């Protein structure tokens, strides 16, 4: 071995996570595959691949961790607030959405094609999903009516600084939806 490698402080463990590999988890319209969890990254970040079928999405919520979504394929429409008003912005393949801590947001696949996203956040954010997965093992959320599943998810979320708003933004409201007035923004 090169003597230079013997003098440089290193850590072993470099590894590849291939297509289709990773820890899978489904909850309330979100289909996740963890590609890297906090314990894999020295607790610096976590990465998950998320698939949204047409019509699926993640309801309105906020959390203390920053988050970014890189769209691998398809398109997702993201809800955000701009000057206190609703706004939707479409993010297509190759686009990146950056969500600061505590930003109120939701996202849905409003297209006829599947959407794949790469979500990047913190291990604190991952902790919420780990807690939901733990409860899901004992009482699968898929066996519950959607409102009941979301009630349980919201209770778990409150313990992890996640807050789910009791408002369904997946269907536009004509009087309040800026995107409907101005057209959907694209990135």
C-alpha atoms as a PDB file:
ATOM      1  CA  UNK A   1       0.000   0.000   0.000  1.00  0.00           C
ATOM      2  CA  UNK A   2       1.124   3.528  -0.682  1.00  0.00           C
ATOM      3  CA  UNK A   3       2.837   4.976   2.423  1.00  0.00           C
ATOM      4  CA  UNK A   4       0.873   8.188   1.954  1.00  0.00           C
ATOM      5  CA  UNK A   5      -2.317   6.291   2.860  1.00  0.00           C
ATOM      6  CA  UNK A   6      -0.668   5.135   6.076  1.00  0.00           C
ATOM      7  CA  UNK A   7      -0.027   8.765   7.149  1.00  0.00           C
ATOM      8  CA  UNK A   8      -3.480  10.174   6.362  1.00  0.00           C
ATOM      9  CA  UNK A   9      -6.099   9.675   9.106  1.00  0.00           C
ATOM     10  CA  UNK A  10      -8.912   7.715   7.471  1.00  0.00           C
ATOM     11  CA  UNK A  11     -12.124   5.944   8.255  1.00  0.00           C
ATOM     12  CA  UNK A  12     -13.249   2.839   6.459  1.00  0.00           C
ATOM     13  CA  UNK A  13     -16.835   2.204   5.509  1.00  0.00           C
ATOM     14  CA  UNK A  14     -17.158   3.770   2.061  1.00  0.00           C
ATOM     15  CA  UNK A  15     -20.026   1.900   0.454  1.00  0.00           C
ATOM     16  CA  UNK A  16     -22.550   2.052  -2.339  1.00  0.00           C
ATOM     17  CA  UNK A  17     -26.333   1.931  -2.026  1.00  0.00           C
ATOM     18  CA  UNK A  18     -27.600   0.773  -5.390  1.00  0.00           C
ATOM     19  CA  UNK A  19     -30.895   1.300  -7.193  1.00  0.00           C
ATOM     20  CA  UNK A  20     -33.728  -0.366  -5.295  1.00  0.00           C
ATOM     21  CA  UNK A  21     -31.555  -0.781  -2.184  1.00  0.00           C
ATOM     22  CA  UNK A  22     -32.168   0.863   1.167  1.00  0.00           C
ATOM     23  CA  UNK A  23     -34.622   0.648   4.039  1.00  0.00           C
ATOM     24  CA  UNK A  24     -38.183   0.958   2.690  1.00  0.00           C
ATOM     25  CA  UNK A  25     -41.114   2.536   4.511  1.00  0.00           C
ATOM     26  CA  UNK A  26     -44.627   3.592   3.404  1.00  0.00           C
ATOM     27  CA  UNK A  27     -46.855   5.977   5.317  1.00  0.00           C
ATOM     28  CA  UNK A  28     -49.986   7.911   4.330  1.00  0.00           C
ATOM     29  CA  UNK A  29     -49.162   8.460   0.670  1.00  0.00           C
ATOM     30  CA  UNK A  30     -45.401   8.663   1.133  1.00  0.00           C
ATOM     31  CA  UNK A  31     -43.243   5.813  -0.160  1.00  0.00           C
ATOM     32  CA  UNK A  32     -39.719   6.210   1.214  1.00  0.00           C
ATOM     33  CA  UNK A  33     -36.470   4.352   0.742  1.00  0.00           C
ATOM     34  CA  UNK A  34     -33.704   5.481   3.083  1.00  0.00           C
ATOM     35  CA  UNK A  35     -30.484   5.726   1.085  1.00  0.00           C
ATOM     36  CA  UNK A  36     -28.435   7.143   3.985  1.00  0.00           C
ATOM     37  CA  UNK A  37     -29.508   7.522   7.598  1.00  0.00           C
ATOM     38  CA  UNK A  38     -27.844   9.620  10.263  1.00  0.00           C
ATOM     39  CA  UNK A  39     -25.818   6.706  11.591  1.00  0.00           C
ATOM     40  CA  UNK A  40     -24.357   6.269   8.069  1.00  0.00           C
ATOM     41  CA  UNK A  41     -23.222   9.911   7.790  1.00  0.00           C
ATOM     42  CA  UNK A  42     -21.738  10.682  11.184  1.00  0.00           C
ATOM     43  CA  UNK A  43     -25.161  12.186  12.036  1.00  0.00           C
ATOM     44  CA  UNK A  44     -24.613  15.021   9.562  1.00  0.00           C
ATOM     45  CA  UNK A  45     -27.573  14.350   7.226  1.00  0.00           C
ATOM     46  CA  UNK A  46     -30.027  11.748   5.995  1.00  0.00           C
ATOM     47  CA  UNK A  47     -31.207  11.032   2.447  1.00  0.00           C
ATOM     48  CA  UNK A  48     -34.329   9.251   1.280  1.00  0.00           C
ATOM     49  CA  UNK A  49     -35.775   8.526  -2.114  1.00  0.00           C
ATOM     50  CA  UNK A  50     -39.494   9.174  -2.246  1.00  0.00           C
ATOM     51  CA  UNK A  51     -41.971   8.039  -4.890  1.00  0.00           C
ATOM     52  CA  UNK A  52     -45.322   9.737  -5.397  1.00  0.00           C
ATOM     53  CA  UNK A  53     -47.886   8.113  -7.681  1.00  0.00           C
ATOM     54  CA  UNK A  54     -50.261  10.489  -9.493  1.00  0.00           C
ATOM     55  CA  UNK A  55     -52.482  12.153  -6.898  1.00  0.00           C
ATOM     56  CA  UNK A  56     -50.306  11.200  -3.908  1.00  0.00           C
ATOM     57  CA  UNK A  57     -48.603  13.693  -1.669  1.00  0.00           C
ATOM     58  CA  UNK A  58     -47.615  14.858   1.772  1.00  0.00           C
ATOM     59  CA  UNK A  59     -50.106  17.036   3.698  1.00  0.00           C
ATOM     60  CA  UNK A  60     -49.479  20.530   5.034  1.00  0.00           C
ATOM     61  CA  UNK A  61     -46.931  20.519   7.848  1.00  0.00           C
ATOM     62  CA  UNK A  62     -43.827  22.160   9.283  1.00  0.00           C
ATOM     63  CA  UNK A  63     -40.821  20.953  11.247  1.00  0.00           C
ATOM     64  CA  UNK A  64     -37.699  22.347  12.861  1.00  0.00           C
ATOM     65  CA  UNK A  65     -35.290  20.765  10.363  1.00  0.00           C
ATOM     66  CA  UNK A  66     -34.346  22.268   7.036  1.00  0.00           C
ATOM     67  CA  UNK A  67     -35.067  20.040   4.082  1.00  0.00           C
ATOM     68  CA  UNK A  68     -34.304  19.908   0.363  1.00  0.00           C
ATOM     69  CA  UNK A  69     -35.946  17.914  -2.413  1.00  0.00           C
ATOM     70  CA  UNK A  70     -34.182  17.161  -5.678  1.00  0.00           C
ATOM     71  CA  UNK A  71     -36.642  15.914  -8.293  1.00  0.00           C
ATOM     72  CA  UNK A  72     -35.179  12.859 -10.003  1.00  0.00           C
ATOM     73  CA  UNK A  73     -38.064  12.363 -12.437  1.00  0.00           C
ATOM     74  CA  UNK A  74     -41.571  13.637 -12.965  1.00  0.00           C
ATOM     75  CA  UNK A  75     -42.853  16.744 -11.214  1.00  0.00           C
ATOM     76  CA  UNK A  76     -44.170  17.708  -7.786  1.00  0.00           C
ATOM     77  CA  UNK A  77     -46.207  20.753  -6.821  1.00  0.00           C
ATOM     78  CA  UNK A  78     -45.068  22.356  -3.556  1.00  0.00           C
ATOM     79  CA  UNK A  79     -47.296  24.511  -1.361  1.00  0.00           C
ATOM     80  CA  UNK A  80     -45.686  27.478   0.337  1.00  0.00           C
ATOM     81  CA  UNK A  81     -46.687  30.799   1.851  1.00  0.00           C
ATOM     82  CA  UNK A  82     -45.622  34.032   0.154  1.00  0.00           C
ATOM     83  CA  UNK A  83     -46.520  37.242   1.990  1.00  0.00           C
ATOM     84  CA  UNK A  84     -49.052  35.246   4.021  1.00  0.00           C
ATOM     85  CA  UNK A  85     -50.859  33.883   0.968  1.00  0.00           C
ATOM     86  CA  UNK A  86     -50.986  30.383  -0.529  1.00  0.00           C
ATOM     87  CA  UNK A  87     -48.692  29.748  -3.456  1.00  0.00           C
ATOM     88  CA  UNK A  88     -47.901  26.603  -5.417  1.00  0.00           C
ATOM     89  CA  UNK A  89     -44.640  26.069  -7.243  1.00  0.00           C
ATOM     90  CA  UNK A  90     -43.984  23.167  -9.592  1.00  0.00           C
ATOM     91  CA  UNK A  91     -40.592  21.485  -9.389  1.00  0.00           C
ATOM     92  CA  UNK A  92     -39.704  19.246 -12.323  1.00  0.00           C
ATOM     93  CA  UNK A  93     -36.912  16.714 -12.974  1.00  0.00           C
ATOM     94  CA  UNK A  94     -33.537  18.295 -12.240  1.00  0.00           C
ATOM     95  CA  UNK A  95     -35.070  21.014 -10.031  1.00  0.00           C
ATOM     96  CA  UNK A  96     -34.363  21.509  -6.330  1.00  0.00           C
ATOM     97  CA  UNK A  97     -36.737  22.795  -3.646  1.00  0.00           C
ATOM     98  CA  UNK A  98     -35.144  24.225  -0.506  1.00  0.00           C
ATOM     99  CA  UNK A  99     -37.331  24.386   2.594  1.00  0.00           C
ATOM    100  CA  UNK A 100     -35.972  26.374   5.542  1.00  0.00           C
ATOM    101  CA  UNK A 101     -36.639  25.276   9.131  1.00  0.00           C
ATOM    102  CA  UNK A 102     -40.261  25.733  10.262  1.00  0.00           C
ATOM    103  CA  UNK A 103     -41.535  26.536   6.766  1.00  0.00           C
ATOM    104  CA  UNK A 104     -45.149  25.521   6.270  1.00  0.00           C
ATOM    105  CA  UNK A 105     -45.228  23.228   3.235  1.00  0.00           C
ATOM    106  CA  UNK A 106     -46.954  20.351   1.462  1.00  0.00           C
ATOM    107  CA  UNK A 107     -46.269  18.637  -1.833  1.00  0.00           C
ATOM    108  CA  UNK A 108     -48.285  16.543  -4.236  1.00  0.00           C
ATOM    109  CA  UNK A 109     -47.899  14.848  -7.563  1.00  0.00           C
ATOM    110  CA  UNK A 110     -50.633  16.557  -9.581  1.00  0.00           C
ATOM    111  CA  UNK A 111     -49.475  15.048 -12.867  1.00  0.00           C
ATOM    112  CA  UNK A 112     -50.480  11.789 -14.589  1.00  0.00           C
ATOM    113  CA  UNK A 113     -46.907  10.428 -14.293  1.00  0.00           C
ATOM    114  CA  UNK A 114     -45.045   9.078 -11.205  1.00  0.00           C
ATOM    115  CA  UNK A 115     -42.652  11.428  -9.445  1.00  0.00           C
ATOM    116  CA  UNK A 116     -39.360  10.460  -7.759  1.00  0.00           C
ATOM    117  CA  UNK A 117     -37.688  12.807  -5.293  1.00  0.00           C
ATOM    118  CA  UNK A 118     -34.484  12.701  -3.319  1.00  0.00           C
ATOM    119  CA  UNK A 119     -35.102  14.194   0.129  1.00  0.00           C
ATOM    120  CA  UNK A 120     -32.147  15.522   2.128  1.00  0.00           C
ATOM    121  CA  UNK A 121     -32.523  16.553   5.755  1.00  0.00           C
ATOM    122  CA  UNK A 122     -31.146  16.041   9.237  1.00  0.00           C
ATOM    123  CA  UNK A 123     -31.130  12.987  11.493  1.00  0.00           C
ATOM    124  CA  UNK A 124     -33.602  14.886  13.734  1.00  0.00           C
ATOM    125  CA  UNK A 125     -36.032  14.872  10.799  1.00  0.00           C
ATOM    126  CA  UNK A 126     -35.295  11.172  10.233  1.00  0.00           C
ATOM    127  CA  UNK A 127     -36.108  10.528  13.913  1.00  0.00           C
ATOM    128  CA  UNK A 128     -39.759  11.357  13.248  1.00  0.00           C
ATOM    129  CA  UNK A 129     -39.936   8.753  10.470  1.00  0.00           C
ATOM    130  CA  UNK A 130     -38.140   6.197  12.640  1.00  0.00           C
ATOM    131  CA  UNK A 131     -40.738   6.747  15.399  1.00  0.00           C
ATOM    132  CA  UNK A 132     -43.607   6.410  12.916  1.00  0.00           C
ATOM    133  CA  UNK A 133     -42.051   3.215  11.495  1.00  0.00           C
ATOM    134  CA  UNK A 134     -41.755   1.775  15.013  1.00  0.00           C
ATOM    135  CA  UNK A 135     -45.463   2.366  15.726  1.00  0.00           C
ATOM    136  CA  UNK A 136     -46.377   1.084  12.245  1.00  0.00           C
ATOM    137  CA  UNK A 137     -44.790  -2.292  13.041  1.00  0.00           C
ATOM    138  CA  UNK A 138     -47.291  -2.866  15.871  1.00  0.00           C
ATOM    139  CA  UNK A 139     -50.360  -1.332  14.215  1.00  0.00           C
ATOM    140  CA  UNK A 140     -49.901  -0.807  10.464  1.00  0.00           C
ATOM    141  CA  UNK A 141     -51.156   2.586   9.356  1.00  0.00           C
ATOM    142  CA  UNK A 142     -52.299   1.003   6.074  1.00  0.00           C
ATOM    143  CA  UNK A 143     -54.956  -0.910   8.070  1.00  0.00           C
ATOM    144  CA  UNK A 144     -56.446   2.333   9.420  1.00  0.00           C
ATOM    145  CA  UNK A 145     -58.761   4.837   7.758  1.00  0.00           C
ATOM    146  CA  UNK A 146     -56.656   7.733   6.445  1.00  0.00           C
ATOM    147  CA  UNK A 147     -57.952  10.305   9.008  1.00  0.00           C
ATOM    148  CA  UNK A 148     -57.111   7.940  11.887  1.00  0.00           C
ATOM    149  CA  UNK A 149     -53.646   7.225  10.461  1.00  0.00           C
ATOM    150  CA  UNK A 150     -52.962  10.955  10.115  1.00  0.00           C
ATOM    151  CA  UNK A 151     -54.191  11.596  13.682  1.00  0.00           C
ATOM    152  CA  UNK A 152     -51.618   9.099  14.968  1.00  0.00           C
ATOM    153  CA  UNK A 153     -48.905  10.517  12.705  1.00  0.00           C
ATOM    154  CA  UNK A 154     -49.678  14.017  14.036  1.00  0.00           C
ATOM    155  CA  UNK A 155     -49.412  12.807  17.653  1.00  0.00           C
ATOM    156  CA  UNK A 156     -46.013  11.258  16.936  1.00  0.00           C
ATOM    157  CA  UNK A 157     -45.036  14.372  15.011  1.00  0.00           C
ATOM    158  CA  UNK A 158     -45.739  16.653  17.976  1.00  0.00           C
ATOM    159  CA  UNK A 159     -43.131  14.688  19.950  1.00  0.00           C
ATOM    160  CA  UNK A 160     -40.559  15.419  17.212  1.00  0.00           C
ATOM    161  CA  UNK A 161     -41.307  19.109  16.503  1.00  0.00           C
ATOM    162  CA  UNK A 162     -43.459  18.212  13.474  1.00  0.00           C
ATOM    163  CA  UNK A 163     -46.779  19.998  13.183  1.00  0.00           C
ATOM    164  CA  UNK A 164     -49.511  18.946  10.764  1.00  0.00           C
ATOM    165  CA  UNK A 165     -52.021  21.649   9.849  1.00  0.00           C
ATOM    166  CA  UNK A 166     -55.694  20.627   9.899  1.00  0.00           C
ATOM    167  CA  UNK A 167     -56.174  22.070   6.406  1.00  0.00           C
ATOM    168  CA  UNK A 168     -56.309  20.094   3.156  1.00  0.00           C
ATOM    169  CA  UNK A 169     -54.394  22.189   0.624  1.00  0.00           C
ATOM    170  CA  UNK A 170     -54.343  19.432  -1.987  1.00  0.00           C
ATOM    171  CA  UNK A 171     -57.514  20.867  -3.530  1.00  0.00           C
ATOM    172  CA  UNK A 172     -57.228  24.555  -4.520  1.00  0.00           C
ATOM    173  CA  UNK A 173     -59.548  27.112  -2.967  1.00  0.00           C
ATOM    174  CA  UNK A 174     -60.361  29.757  -5.583  1.00  0.00           C
ATOM    175  CA  UNK A 175     -60.432  32.760  -3.268  1.00  0.00           C
ATOM    176  CA  UNK A 176     -57.142  32.046  -1.516  1.00  0.00           C
ATOM    177  CA  UNK A 177     -54.990  30.262  -4.071  1.00  0.00           C
ATOM    178  CA  UNK A 178     -52.437  32.561  -5.703  1.00  0.00           C
ATOM    179  CA  UNK A 179     -51.369  29.788  -8.055  1.00  0.00           C
ATOM    180  CA  UNK A 180     -54.900  29.647  -9.436  1.00  0.00           C
ATOM    181  CA  UNK A 181     -54.874  33.429  -9.955  1.00  0.00           C
ATOM    182  CA  UNK A 182     -51.394  33.644 -11.456  1.00  0.00           C
ATOM    183  CA  UNK A 183     -50.723  30.162 -12.814  1.00  0.00           C
ATOM    184  CA  UNK A 184     -48.410  27.562 -11.300  1.00  0.00           C
ATOM    185  CA  UNK A 185     -44.746  28.570 -11.033  1.00  0.00           C
ATOM    186  CA  UNK A 186     -42.151  26.176 -12.427  1.00  0.00           C
ATOM    187  CA  UNK A 187     -38.538  25.378 -11.446  1.00  0.00           C
END
